[in-house]
Amino acid sequence: MSVKIGVGFGGWPFPEPDPELLWNYTDTCEDLDIDSIWFSDRVVSTALNLEVVVAMSFIAGRTKKLKFGTSVFALPLRNPTVLAKEIATLDFLSGGRTLPAVGLGADDLAEYEACGTKRSQRVSRTEEAIEVMRKLWSQDHVTHHGKHFTLNDVTIQPKPVFPPDGMPPIWIGGRSEPALRRTARIGDG
């Protein structure tokens, strides 16, 4: 059994807002055979936080081995069709190195309002979004009529290539008993 080490950070972990610090950090992780690097998803914040899809794209283009993921995508704030396409594209271009983890996001009313989402719907939006993303990754001509999302004969390409079956695992993050139950019910870890 081998041990894999991943590194993550919430906001910008460096003493100054210089992108070269992230480049050096990423290169060091790749050189040291670190398994993965993780970014937190905050859409609005007074602290410096990178947009996670863009940050993961940077990692994908700069490295050959380093996996990358989110700790966690604030899924209720995102459109699952667009996010499924972004993750599938990143996974395709990186050779299966994408590690999407999702959750409800921070309990910050301002963030939900800024994204046009009701905080009271965050659980149902998250659960339905996971269902939509899995369908889009594994099927063509997806039709879905849910409480929050409607798709009629929708296909995304490329599909993810995450080994062994092309389906990235959806890990669910959270700090509560309901989050643990959600993980057991609909998550991969």
Protein backbone atom coordinates (compact mmCIF):
# COMPACT_ATOMS: atom_id res chain seq x y z
CA MET A 1 0.00 0.00 0.00
CA SER A 2 1.37 3.39 -0.93
CA VAL A 3 0.61 6.68 0.74
CA LYS A 4 -0.46 9.58 -1.47
CA ILE A 5 -0.11 13.13 -0.28
CA GLY A 6 -2.27 16.00 -1.44
CA VAL A 7 -1.88 19.64 -0.48
CA GLY A 8 -4.59 22.21 -0.30
CA PHE A 9 -5.30 25.70 0.75
CA GLY A 10 -8.35 27.84 1.30
CA GLY A 11 -7.63 31.31 0.12
CA TRP A 12 -4.36 32.60 -1.27
CA PRO A 13 -1.70 31.00 0.97
CA PHE A 14 1.20 33.23 0.03
CA PRO A 15 2.39 36.46 1.68
CA GLU A 16 1.77 38.56 -1.42
CA PRO A 17 -0.52 38.39 -4.46
CA ASP A 18 2.14 37.27 -6.95
CA PRO A 19 1.15 34.50 -9.42
CA GLU A 20 4.78 33.40 -9.67
CA LEU A 21 4.48 32.09 -6.10
CA LEU A 22 1.79 29.68 -7.28
CA TRP A 23 3.91 28.66 -10.28
CA ASN A 24 6.85 27.83 -8.00
CA TYR A 25 4.59 26.02 -5.52
CA THR A 26 3.07 23.94 -8.33
CA ASP A 27 6.48 23.08 -9.79
CA THR A 28 7.71 22.01 -6.35
CA CYS A 29 4.66 19.79 -5.84
CA GLU A 30 5.25 18.14 -9.22
CA ASP A 31 8.99 17.67 -8.51
CA LEU A 32 8.30 16.12 -5.08
CA ASP A 33 5.71 13.68 -6.50
CA ILE A 34 2.90 15.21 -4.47
CA ASP A 35 -0.26 13.42 -5.61
CA SER A 36 -2.71 16.32 -5.76
CA ILE A 37 -3.36 19.98 -5.12
CA TRP A 38 -6.73 21.27 -3.88
CA PHE A 39 -8.48 24.63 -4.17
CA SER A 40 -11.40 25.96 -2.13
CA ASP A 41 -14.34 27.44 -3.99
CA ARG A 42 -15.37 30.90 -2.84
CA VAL A 43 -17.14 33.05 -5.39
CA VAL A 44 -17.22 36.21 -3.29
CA SER A 45 -14.79 37.04 -0.51
CA THR A 46 -12.72 39.91 0.82
CA ALA A 47 -9.71 37.55 0.81
CA LEU A 48 -7.84 36.61 -2.37
CA ASN A 49 -9.40 33.37 -3.65
CA LEU A 50 -8.74 32.00 -7.11
CA GLU A 51 -11.62 30.86 -9.30
CA VAL A 52 -11.23 27.10 -8.99
CA VAL A 53 -11.87 25.97 -12.57
CA VAL A 54 -9.36 28.51 -13.86
CA ALA A 55 -6.84 27.50 -11.15
CA MET A 56 -7.23 23.81 -11.99
CA SER A 57 -6.77 24.64 -15.69
CA PHE A 58 -3.49 26.31 -14.77
CA ILE A 59 -2.36 23.17 -12.91
CA ALA A 60 -3.44 20.94 -15.82
CA GLY A 61 -1.42 22.97 -18.31
CA ARG A 62 1.66 23.37 -16.15
CA THR A 63 2.09 19.78 -14.93
CA LYS A 64 2.14 16.22 -16.24
CA LYS A 65 1.40 14.11 -13.13
CA LEU A 66 -0.14 16.33 -10.47
CA LYS A 67 -3.84 15.74 -9.91
CA PHE A 68 -6.06 18.66 -8.93
CA GLY A 69 -9.35 19.06 -7.19
CA THR A 70 -11.71 21.21 -5.24
CA SER A 71 -12.25 21.25 -1.53
CA VAL A 72 -15.10 21.73 -2.33
CA PHE A 73 -17.08 23.09 -5.30
CA ALA A 74 -19.89 25.17 -3.81
CA LEU A 75 -22.30 23.20 -5.95
CA PRO A 76 -25.52 25.11 -5.17
CA LEU A 77 -23.90 28.23 -6.63
CA ARG A 78 -23.07 26.62 -9.98
CA ASN A 79 -24.95 25.44 -13.04
CA PRO A 80 -24.40 21.66 -13.18
CA THR A 81 -24.43 21.47 -16.99
CA VAL A 82 -21.70 24.09 -17.32
CA LEU A 83 -19.72 22.57 -14.44
CA ALA A 84 -20.04 19.04 -15.87
CA LYS A 85 -18.67 20.35 -19.18
CA GLU A 86 -15.80 22.20 -17.45
CA ILE A 87 -14.82 19.16 -15.39
CA ALA A 88 -15.11 16.80 -18.37
CA THR A 89 -12.96 19.11 -20.50
CA LEU A 90 -10.32 19.42 -17.78
CA ASP A 91 -10.33 15.68 -17.26
CA PHE A 92 -10.03 15.02 -21.01
CA LEU A 93 -7.20 17.52 -21.52
CA SER A 94 -5.29 16.38 -18.42
CA GLY A 95 -5.58 12.65 -19.05
CA GLY A 96 -7.90 11.94 -16.13
CA ARG A 97 -6.30 14.00 -13.36
CA THR A 98 -9.42 15.86 -12.16
CA LEU A 99 -10.73 15.19 -8.64
CA PRO A 100 -14.06 16.96 -8.20
CA ALA A 101 -15.29 17.24 -4.64
CA VAL A 102 -18.56 19.01 -4.02
CA GLY A 103 -20.47 20.37 -1.09
CA LEU A 104 -22.93 23.00 -0.01
CA GLY A 105 -20.29 25.72 0.19
CA ALA A 106 -19.87 28.28 2.93
CA ASP A 107 -22.95 29.26 4.88
CA ASP A 108 -22.63 32.83 3.63
CA LEU A 109 -25.92 34.47 2.67
CA ALA A 110 -24.12 37.15 0.63
CA GLU A 111 -22.50 34.49 -1.58
CA TYR A 112 -25.83 32.79 -2.28
CA GLU A 113 -27.53 36.10 -3.05
CA ALA A 114 -24.68 37.18 -5.34
CA CYS A 115 -25.10 33.95 -7.32
CA GLY A 116 -28.90 34.17 -7.48
CA THR A 117 -29.42 31.08 -5.34
CA LYS A 118 -31.58 30.64 -2.27
CA ARG A 119 -29.63 29.28 0.67
CA SER A 120 -32.73 27.34 1.72
CA GLN A 121 -32.46 25.29 -1.50
CA ARG A 122 -28.78 24.42 -1.22
CA VAL A 123 -29.26 20.76 -0.24
CA SER A 124 -31.83 19.96 -2.93
CA ARG A 125 -29.84 21.89 -5.58
CA THR A 126 -26.66 20.02 -4.65
CA GLU A 127 -28.27 16.59 -4.77
CA GLU A 128 -30.00 17.28 -8.08
CA ALA A 129 -26.83 18.80 -9.55
CA ILE A 130 -24.88 15.62 -8.74
CA GLU A 131 -27.55 13.57 -10.53
CA VAL A 132 -27.42 15.87 -13.59
CA MET A 133 -23.61 15.82 -13.77
CA ARG A 134 -23.42 12.03 -13.58
CA LYS A 135 -26.00 11.69 -16.35
CA LEU A 136 -24.13 14.15 -18.58
CA TRP A 137 -20.83 12.33 -18.03
CA SER A 138 -22.22 8.87 -18.75
CA GLN A 139 -25.01 9.39 -21.29
CA ASP A 140 -25.83 11.18 -24.51
CA HIS A 141 -29.18 12.86 -25.17
CA VAL A 142 -29.92 13.53 -21.50
CA THR A 143 -33.41 14.65 -20.59
CA HIS A 144 -33.97 15.73 -17.01
CA HIS A 145 -36.93 17.57 -15.51
CA GLY A 146 -36.17 18.31 -11.88
CA LYS A 147 -37.05 20.85 -9.25
CA HIS A 148 -34.12 23.12 -10.14
CA PHE A 149 -32.76 22.03 -13.52
CA THR A 150 -34.31 21.13 -16.86
CA LEU A 151 -32.45 19.50 -19.75
CA ASN A 152 -34.01 18.35 -22.99
CA ASP A 153 -31.97 15.98 -25.17
CA VAL A 154 -28.63 17.44 -24.02
CA THR A 155 -25.21 15.92 -24.75
CA ILE A 156 -21.81 17.17 -23.65
CA GLN A 157 -18.52 16.24 -25.29
CA PRO A 158 -15.86 15.37 -24.47
CA LYS A 159 -16.73 12.90 -21.77
CA PRO A 160 -14.37 12.59 -18.79
CA VAL A 161 -11.56 10.03 -19.12
CA PHE A 162 -10.85 9.45 -15.43
CA PRO A 163 -9.48 5.90 -15.06
CA PRO A 164 -10.73 3.20 -14.94
CA ASP A 165 -14.25 3.85 -16.26
CA GLY A 166 -14.20 7.49 -17.37
CA MET A 167 -16.31 8.67 -14.46
CA PRO A 168 -14.62 11.03 -12.03
CA PRO A 169 -15.56 10.09 -8.49
CA ILE A 170 -17.74 12.69 -6.82
CA TRP A 171 -16.47 13.20 -3.32
CA ILE A 172 -18.75 15.10 -0.98
CA GLY A 173 -17.38 17.40 1.68
CA GLY A 174 -19.15 18.65 4.75
CA ARG A 175 -18.99 19.11 8.49
CA SER A 176 -22.29 17.65 9.64
CA GLU A 177 -24.15 14.42 10.20
CA PRO A 178 -26.44 15.13 7.20
CA ALA A 179 -23.34 15.61 5.01
CA LEU A 180 -22.07 12.18 6.07
CA ARG A 181 -25.43 10.61 5.24
CA ARG A 182 -25.45 12.42 1.86
CA THR A 183 -21.98 11.06 1.12
CA ALA A 184 -23.05 7.51 1.91
CA ARG A 185 -26.24 7.86 -0.14
CA ILE A 186 -25.05 9.61 -3.33
CA GLY A 187 -21.30 10.21 -3.10
CA ASP A 188 -18.24 8.19 -3.99
CA GLY A 189 -16.37 9.19 -0.87
